[in-house]
Amino acid sequence: MKRELIKISEFQRRRWGENGTPQCPQAIRNHIRNGIVPGEQIGKLWYVDWTAFNRSGGNDLVAMVLKGAA
């Protein structure tokens, strides 16, 4: 399945909506670094794998398992 890598700012908008209260970018980077949210660092920028995150239904544990399976 094709991956859709999105910037952290786009992830915040999609996950929490326009009027939501998202986690700060540093917390999301830490979640990616620790394998809680599927994503990666390319150069100096961090991206979330939106396809893997959606397959998990937003469940962080499932996202972690799917990241290992992809």
Protein backbone atom coordinates (compact mmCIF):
# COMPACT_ATOMS: atom_id res chain seq x y z
CA MET A 1 0.00 0.00 0.00
CA LYS A 2 1.26 3.48 -0.90
CA ARG A 3 2.42 5.70 1.95
CA GLU A 4 1.26 9.28 2.33
CA LEU A 5 3.82 11.26 4.28
CA ILE A 6 2.47 14.55 5.62
CA LYS A 7 4.12 17.33 7.60
CA ILE A 8 3.44 17.59 11.32
CA SER A 9 1.43 20.78 10.83
CA GLU A 10 -0.87 18.98 8.36
CA PHE A 11 -1.13 16.02 10.77
CA GLN A 12 -2.25 18.39 13.54
CA ARG A 13 -4.91 19.88 11.26
CA ARG A 14 -6.22 16.49 10.06
CA ARG A 15 -6.11 14.76 13.46
CA TRP A 16 -7.52 17.52 15.69
CA GLY A 17 -9.34 19.73 13.17
CA GLU A 18 -9.23 23.48 12.76
CA ASN A 19 -10.66 24.27 16.20
CA GLY A 20 -9.10 21.40 18.14
CA THR A 21 -6.21 21.56 20.57
CA PRO A 22 -3.39 19.52 19.03
CA GLN A 23 -0.26 18.24 20.69
CA CYS A 24 2.77 20.45 20.16
CA PRO A 25 5.11 19.56 17.28
CA GLN A 26 7.84 18.46 19.71
CA ALA A 27 5.52 15.90 21.33
CA ILE A 28 4.56 14.51 17.90
CA ARG A 29 8.25 14.27 16.92
CA ASN A 30 8.91 12.37 20.15
CA HIS A 31 6.03 10.00 19.36
CA ILE A 32 7.50 9.35 15.90
CA ARG A 33 10.98 8.88 17.37
CA ASN A 34 9.63 6.40 19.95
CA GLY A 35 7.54 4.49 17.38
CA ILE A 36 4.17 5.48 18.84
CA VAL A 37 3.06 7.34 15.70
CA PRO A 38 4.15 6.02 12.28
CA GLY A 39 6.45 8.46 10.55
CA GLU A 40 10.03 9.36 9.79
CA GLN A 41 12.57 12.13 9.60
CA ILE A 42 13.77 13.13 6.15
CA GLY A 43 16.61 15.60 6.39
CA LYS A 44 15.62 18.03 9.11
CA LEU A 45 11.87 17.68 8.56
CA TRP A 46 9.55 15.20 10.27
CA TYR A 47 6.65 13.49 8.52
CA VAL A 48 3.74 11.34 9.71
CA ASP A 49 2.70 8.32 7.63
CA TRP A 50 -0.97 9.23 7.30
CA THR A 51 -1.90 5.97 5.55
CA ALA A 52 -0.55 3.81 8.39
CA PHE A 53 -2.09 6.12 10.99
CA ASN A 54 -5.51 5.86 9.30
CA ARG A 55 -5.31 2.07 9.08
CA SER A 56 -4.81 2.04 12.83
CA GLY A 57 -8.03 4.00 13.33
CA GLY A 58 -6.09 6.60 15.31
CA ASN A 59 -5.12 3.97 17.89
CA ASP A 60 -1.48 4.61 18.81
CA LEU A 61 -0.77 0.97 19.74
CA VAL A 62 -2.14 -0.34 16.44
CA ALA A 63 -0.16 2.34 14.56
CA MET A 64 3.02 1.14 16.28
CA VAL A 65 2.35 -2.47 15.22
CA LEU A 66 1.47 -1.51 11.64
CA LYS A 67 4.62 0.57 11.34
CA GLY A 68 6.64 -2.56 12.04
CA ALA A 69 4.62 -4.54 9.48
CA ALA A 70 4.99 -2.03 6.64
